[in-house]
Protein backbone atom coordinates (compact mmCIF):
# COMPACT_ATOMS: atom_id res chain seq x y z
CA MET A 1 94.03 78.71 92.89
CA SER A 2 94.99 81.86 94.77
CA ILE A 3 93.73 82.50 98.30
CA ALA A 4 91.82 85.75 98.82
CA ASN A 5 92.76 87.75 101.89
CA GLN A 6 89.07 88.09 102.76
CA ASP A 7 89.03 84.32 103.26
CA ILE A 8 91.73 84.49 105.97
CA THR A 9 91.45 85.08 109.71
CA VAL A 10 94.68 85.69 111.60
CA VAL A 11 94.53 84.60 115.24
CA VAL A 12 97.18 86.66 117.02
CA GLN A 13 97.67 84.83 120.29
CA GLY A 14 99.55 85.51 123.47
CA PRO A 15 100.32 88.40 125.81
CA VAL A 16 100.22 91.97 124.52
CA GLN A 17 103.41 94.03 124.55
CA ALA A 18 102.61 97.12 126.57
CA LEU A 19 105.13 97.47 129.42
CA PRO A 20 108.87 98.20 129.17
CA ASP A 21 109.78 95.34 131.52
CA ARG A 22 107.86 92.67 129.59
CA ASN A 23 110.11 89.98 128.14
CA MET A 24 109.14 90.84 124.57
CA ASP A 25 110.40 93.38 122.05
CA GLU A 26 108.89 96.72 122.92
CA GLY A 27 105.95 97.46 120.63
CA ILE A 28 106.13 94.03 118.97
CA THR A 29 102.37 93.39 119.06
CA VAL A 30 101.71 96.74 117.41
CA ARG A 31 104.23 95.73 114.73
CA SER A 32 102.61 92.29 114.40
CA LEU A 33 99.14 93.73 113.80
CA ALA A 34 100.46 96.38 111.40
CA SER A 35 102.25 93.70 109.35
CA ILE A 36 98.97 91.83 108.87
CA ARG A 37 97.27 94.96 107.57
CA LYS A 38 100.22 95.50 105.21
CA TYR A 39 100.60 92.01 103.75
CA LEU A 40 97.03 90.71 104.13
CA PRO A 41 94.77 93.74 103.54
CA GLY A 42 91.18 92.65 104.00
CA ALA A 43 91.99 89.73 106.30
CA HIS A 44 90.18 89.49 109.65
CA ILE A 45 92.39 89.97 112.74
CA LEU A 46 91.32 88.21 115.93
CA LEU A 47 93.47 89.12 118.96
CA SER A 48 93.30 86.33 121.54
CA THR A 49 94.99 87.45 124.73
CA TRP A 50 94.45 87.47 128.51
CA GLU A 51 92.01 89.20 130.79
CA GLY A 52 93.64 92.34 132.19
CA GLN A 53 95.94 92.91 129.22
CA PRO A 54 96.00 96.56 128.05
CA THR A 55 94.65 96.35 124.49
CA GLU A 56 93.61 99.98 124.01
CA GLY A 57 94.77 101.44 120.72
CA LEU A 58 95.67 98.11 119.11
CA ASP A 59 94.49 97.53 115.55
CA TYR A 60 92.34 94.38 115.54
CA ASP A 61 88.88 93.45 114.27
CA GLU A 62 87.87 91.13 117.10
CA LEU A 63 89.10 90.77 120.67
CA LEU A 64 89.02 87.66 122.84
CA LEU A 65 90.06 87.95 126.48
CA ASN A 66 90.82 84.52 127.95
CA LYS A 67 91.12 83.43 131.56
CA ASP A 68 94.76 82.68 132.26
CA PRO A 69 95.18 78.92 132.97
CA GLY A 70 98.63 79.57 134.41
CA PRO A 71 101.81 77.62 133.72
CA ASN A 72 102.03 73.83 133.86
CA ILE A 73 104.67 71.76 135.66
CA ASN A 74 106.77 69.60 133.34
CA ARG A 75 109.79 68.77 135.53
CA TYR A 76 111.09 68.68 139.10
CA ARG A 77 114.73 69.40 139.87
CA ALA A 78 116.67 67.22 142.29
CA ASP A 79 115.97 69.71 145.10
CA GLY A 80 112.23 69.34 144.50
CA THR A 81 111.62 72.71 142.85
CA ALA A 82 109.23 72.64 139.89
CA ASP A 83 110.03 73.79 136.35
CA LYS A 84 107.04 75.28 134.57
CA THR A 85 106.14 75.99 130.94
CA ASN A 86 103.42 78.02 129.22
CA ASN A 87 102.10 75.13 127.13
CA ASN A 88 98.52 75.47 128.37
CA ARG A 89 98.64 79.24 127.98
CA GLN A 90 99.58 78.88 124.32
CA LEU A 91 97.00 76.16 123.82
CA VAL A 92 94.15 78.15 125.39
CA SER A 93 94.77 81.43 123.56
CA THR A 94 95.27 79.61 120.24
CA LEU A 95 92.41 77.13 120.46
CA ASN A 96 89.83 79.59 121.80
CA GLY A 97 90.72 81.99 119.00
CA LEU A 98 90.55 79.33 116.28
CA LYS A 99 87.14 78.18 117.50
CA ARG A 100 85.77 81.64 116.62
CA VAL A 101 87.14 81.70 113.06
CA LYS A 102 84.47 81.82 110.36
CA THR A 103 86.68 82.12 107.25
CA LYS A 104 87.93 79.23 105.11
CA TYR A 105 91.58 79.79 106.02
CA ALA A 106 93.21 80.59 109.34
CA MET A 107 96.62 81.58 110.64
CA LYS A 108 97.99 81.07 114.13
CA LEU A 109 100.52 83.86 114.80
CA ARG A 110 102.30 84.61 118.08
CA SER A 111 101.76 88.15 119.35
CA ASP A 112 105.55 88.66 119.38
CA ASN A 113 106.06 87.64 115.73
CA PHE A 114 105.06 89.42 112.51
CA LEU A 115 104.64 88.96 108.76
CA THR A 116 107.24 89.96 106.15
CA SER A 117 105.29 88.79 103.06
CA ASP A 118 102.36 86.62 102.04
CA ALA A 119 104.55 83.84 100.61
CA PHE A 120 102.79 81.30 102.84
CA LYS A 121 99.66 81.62 100.68
CA HIS A 122 101.52 80.33 97.61
CA LEU A 123 103.36 77.62 99.55
CA GLN A 124 100.15 76.25 101.00
CA GLN A 125 98.87 75.62 97.45
CA ALA A 126 102.15 74.77 95.70
CA PHE A 127 102.49 71.06 96.48
CA PRO A 128 99.34 69.23 95.37
CA LYS A 129 100.45 65.60 95.54
CA ARG A 130 100.42 63.47 98.68
CA ALA A 131 101.31 59.97 99.77
CA SER A 132 98.66 57.63 101.12
CA GLU A 133 100.17 56.89 104.54
CA TYR A 134 99.82 59.23 107.54
CA CYS A 135 97.83 61.75 105.53
CA PHE A 136 95.60 63.18 108.25
CA LEU A 137 94.57 66.67 107.12
CA LYS A 138 92.44 67.83 104.21
CA GLU A 139 95.27 70.07 102.96
CA ARG A 140 98.78 70.90 104.12
CA VAL A 141 99.48 73.50 106.82
CA VAL A 142 102.48 75.85 106.46
CA VAL A 143 104.79 75.98 109.49
CA ASN A 144 108.06 77.69 110.40
CA ASN A 145 111.26 75.63 110.45
CA THR A 146 112.72 77.31 113.53
CA PHE A 147 112.88 74.46 116.10
CA THR A 148 111.44 72.02 113.52
CA ARG A 149 114.45 69.84 114.13
CA ASP A 150 116.30 66.91 112.66
CA TYR A 151 118.80 67.07 115.55
CA ALA A 152 118.80 68.15 119.20
CA LYS A 153 121.86 68.07 121.46
CA GLY A 154 123.75 66.61 118.50
CA LEU A 155 121.52 63.55 118.15
CA PRO A 156 118.67 62.84 115.69
CA VAL A 157 115.09 63.49 116.77
CA VAL A 158 111.64 62.88 115.31
CA PHE A 159 108.22 64.59 115.50
CA HIS A 160 109.86 67.93 116.42
CA ALA A 161 107.63 70.48 114.63
CA CYS A 162 107.64 74.21 115.49
CA ASP A 163 104.56 75.70 117.16
CA PHE A 164 105.15 79.39 116.24
CA PHE A 165 103.15 79.73 113.02
CA TYR A 166 100.43 77.71 111.30
CA PHE A 167 98.59 78.61 108.10
CA GLY A 168 96.06 76.49 106.23
CA LEU A 169 92.43 75.51 106.06
CA THR A 170 90.70 76.53 109.27
CA GLU A 171 89.47 72.99 109.85
CA ASP A 172 93.04 71.67 109.54
CA VAL A 173 94.67 74.29 111.76
CA LEU A 174 91.92 73.78 114.32
CA ALA A 175 92.42 70.01 114.20
CA LEU A 176 96.09 70.47 115.10
CA TRP A 177 95.29 72.68 118.09
CA ASP A 178 92.12 71.05 119.42
CA ILE A 179 94.12 68.85 121.77
CA PRO A 180 93.97 68.00 125.50
CA TRP A 181 95.53 70.27 128.08
CA PHE A 182 98.95 69.43 129.48
CA ASP A 183 98.66 67.90 132.96
CA ASP A 184 101.01 68.92 135.75
CA LEU A 185 103.68 66.31 136.42
CA VAL A 186 102.91 64.68 139.77
CA TYR A 187 105.80 64.64 142.23
CA ASP A 188 106.97 61.13 143.15
CA GLU A 189 108.08 61.03 146.80
CA SER A 190 109.81 57.68 146.25
CA ARG A 191 112.23 59.46 143.91
CA LYS A 192 112.93 62.36 146.23
CA GLY A 193 116.39 63.80 145.60
CA GLN A 194 116.31 62.86 141.92
CA GLU A 195 115.32 64.88 138.91
CA GLN A 196 111.86 63.92 137.71
CA HIS A 197 110.40 64.31 134.22
CA ASP A 198 108.92 62.29 131.38
CA GLY A 199 111.52 60.07 129.76
CA PHE A 200 113.91 60.12 132.73
CA PRO A 201 116.79 59.17 132.86
CA CYS A 202 116.92 60.18 129.18
CA PHE A 203 116.22 63.77 128.13
CA MET A 204 112.55 64.71 128.32
CA PRO A 205 110.60 65.33 125.10
CA ASP A 206 110.70 68.92 123.87
CA CYS A 207 107.51 70.99 124.16
CA THR A 208 107.34 71.22 120.35
CA GLN A 209 107.32 67.42 120.20
CA ARG A 210 104.54 67.34 122.78
CA PHE A 211 102.26 69.67 120.78
CA TRP A 212 102.82 67.89 117.46
CA LEU A 213 102.45 64.41 118.96
CA LYS A 214 99.22 65.30 120.76
CA ALA A 215 97.80 66.41 117.40
CA LEU A 216 98.99 63.32 115.53
CA GLN A 217 97.71 60.97 118.23
CA LYS A 218 94.15 62.16 117.56
CA PHE A 219 94.46 60.42 114.19
CA ASP A 220 96.78 57.56 115.15
CA PRO A 221 97.23 56.85 118.89
CA SER A 222 100.11 54.46 118.14
CA ILE A 223 102.41 57.40 117.27
CA GLN A 224 104.48 57.67 120.45
CA ILE A 225 107.98 58.50 121.67
CA LYS A 226 109.43 57.76 125.10
CA HIS A 227 111.95 60.60 125.33
CA LEU A 228 113.62 63.37 123.34
CA HIS A 229 115.95 61.04 121.42
CA ASP A 230 113.61 58.07 120.97
CA TYR A 231 114.64 57.22 117.41
CA SER A 232 114.61 54.34 114.96
CA PRO A 233 114.44 54.04 111.16
CA ALA A 234 110.76 53.13 111.50
CA LEU A 235 109.99 56.19 113.66
CA LYS A 236 112.00 58.38 111.29
CA ARG A 237 109.92 57.19 108.32
CA ILE A 238 106.64 57.84 110.13
CA SER A 239 107.83 61.27 111.26
CA ASP A 240 108.91 62.21 107.73
CA LEU A 241 105.59 61.07 106.26
CA CYS A 242 103.69 63.10 108.87
CA TYR A 243 105.78 66.15 107.96
CA VAL A 244 105.48 65.78 104.20
CA ASN A 245 101.81 64.83 104.01
CA ASN A 246 100.42 67.33 106.51
CA LEU A 247 102.83 70.28 106.55
CA VAL A 248 104.89 72.57 104.35
CA ILE A 249 108.05 73.45 106.29
CA GLY A 250 110.05 76.57 105.47
CA GLU A 251 112.50 79.07 106.90
CA PRO A 252 111.00 82.34 108.22
CA GLU A 253 112.15 84.23 105.11
CA VAL A 254 110.68 81.53 102.85
CA ILE A 255 107.21 81.56 104.38
CA GLY A 256 107.10 85.31 105.13
CA LEU A 257 107.53 85.33 108.91
CA GLY A 258 109.46 87.74 111.12
CA LEU A 259 110.64 86.60 114.56
CA ASN A 260 111.22 88.69 117.65
CA THR A 261 114.83 89.30 118.66
CA LYS A 262 114.78 86.35 121.08
CA PHE A 263 114.88 84.03 118.04
CA SER A 264 116.60 86.18 115.39
CA GLY A 265 119.71 88.25 114.78
CA ASP A 266 122.68 86.93 116.75
CA GLU A 267 120.59 84.96 119.23
CA ARG A 268 121.39 81.28 119.76
CA ALA A 269 118.31 80.03 117.88
CA ASN A 270 119.49 81.86 114.75
CA ARG A 271 123.18 80.94 114.81
CA ILE A 272 124.59 78.47 112.31
CA GLY A 273 124.99 75.79 114.98
CA SER A 274 121.23 75.85 115.52
CA LEU A 275 120.16 76.54 111.94
CA ILE A 276 121.78 73.33 110.68
CA THR A 277 119.66 71.27 113.07
CA TYR A 278 116.41 72.55 111.53
CA ILE A 279 114.55 71.02 108.58
CA HIS A 280 115.00 73.54 105.76
CA HIS A 281 112.52 74.01 102.95
CA LEU A 282 114.81 72.28 100.44
CA ALA A 283 115.07 69.28 102.76
CA TRP A 284 111.28 69.20 103.07
CA GLN A 285 111.06 69.31 99.26
CA ARG A 286 113.34 66.28 99.13
CA LEU A 287 110.81 64.43 101.29
CA TYR A 288 108.07 65.62 98.95
CA LYS A 289 110.00 64.28 95.94
CA LYS A 290 110.73 60.98 97.72
CA TYR A 291 107.24 60.23 98.99
CA CYS A 292 104.79 62.30 96.94
CA ASP A 293 106.05 63.45 93.53
CA PRO A 294 109.18 61.84 92.00
CA ALA A 295 109.03 64.37 89.13
CA HIS A 296 109.35 67.37 91.46
CA ALA A 297 112.42 69.48 90.60
CA ILE A 298 114.42 70.89 93.52
CA PRO A 299 116.69 73.89 92.80
CA GLY A 300 120.22 73.76 94.21
CA ASN A 301 119.60 70.31 95.64
CA LEU A 302 123.09 68.74 95.52
CA ALA A 303 124.92 71.80 96.85
CA ASP A 304 122.47 72.09 99.74
CA ILE A 305 122.90 68.41 100.63
CA VAL A 306 126.71 68.61 100.65
CA ARG A 307 126.82 71.86 102.62
CA THR A 308 124.36 70.61 105.24
CA LYS A 309 126.15 67.29 105.71
CA LEU A 310 129.54 68.97 106.12
CA LEU A 311 128.28 71.56 108.58
CA ARG A 312 126.47 68.93 110.61
CA LEU A 313 129.57 66.75 110.71
CA ILE A 314 131.75 69.63 111.90
CA LEU A 315 129.39 71.42 114.27
CA LEU A 316 127.20 68.68 115.70
CA THR A 317 129.96 66.30 116.76
CA PRO A 318 130.92 68.39 119.85
CA LYS A 319 127.24 68.74 120.77
CA ARG A 320 126.79 65.00 120.41
CA LEU A 321 129.67 64.34 122.80
CA GLU A 322 128.44 66.95 125.25
CA GLY A 323 124.91 65.53 125.17
CA ALA A 324 126.18 61.98 125.68
CA LEU A 325 128.22 63.12 128.71
CA ARG A 326 125.23 64.92 130.25
CA LEU A 327 123.05 61.86 129.70
CA LYS A 328 125.66 59.57 131.26
CA LYS A 329 125.85 61.78 134.36
CA GLN A 330 122.05 61.87 134.61
CA GLN A 331 121.80 58.09 134.40
CA ALA A 332 124.60 57.68 136.94
CA LYS A 333 122.70 59.88 139.44
CA GLN A 334 119.67 57.62 139.06
CA ARG A 335 121.70 54.53 139.98
CA SER A 336 123.38 56.16 142.97
């Protein structure tokens, strides 16, 4: 069954590119909106941004101006200064936009990303079989593989799904974003002079893990990790089943997504050392074959496996040693 563009609402969320000194590609939101008109003619565009943003002249069908919740504190440095993230900002602009969607299908698209095709429509429908365990959504949701990681700092990780792009049934996309706000980390005076964050003295969970876990915990509160590298064969199996039963994971060019220059070109996130840590579409298909459809044929499977294993062996070993050294120093500071 093909998906009609008229049945899709694209929630373009985030700040609007309008000023030369904004930390976004100049004109990227204009490009984002134009790409939707090009590849999804007839789809409804809902721009969910902030009060005070200059939106004049932008090509959207519906505008939502949100109150800015501000950044949230996720870590304190040893000198007591707070590190902040925009988790709540992303959550508010995404969730408030999705709550207004009236069409059967919805897309969550950052205002600094754009479409390059409509391949995601086919992918969302292309894998009909599912396993029985950890199958939480009515249908699968297509996501980008950038930062959907198998490895971080050279070590394996779980539940590390990208938050850039979501496409699927509106009820499913909404379910993944209708999650609690992120609370500010409370400063602990008894640990003054030490770094403070969740998971300390191990590395703190990544923000992508936090978003994905909050969504999964609505369905199964037992799904938990203690820190970035909390890993076991049992956790790996649960993570893989959550990926394969609820998502379709693919590279930007596979799903039809264009990224701003911060995450593309020669930037760190797009270099081979980072790309080999991500879960590629062929690797996701291997999970699909393993857990959902043993008859599924995967093109170029063996060559991809060998290439990925070799590159990971060569390129991740130094990162693994570096990460282990940083962790050892962090733990030593706690004991001193």
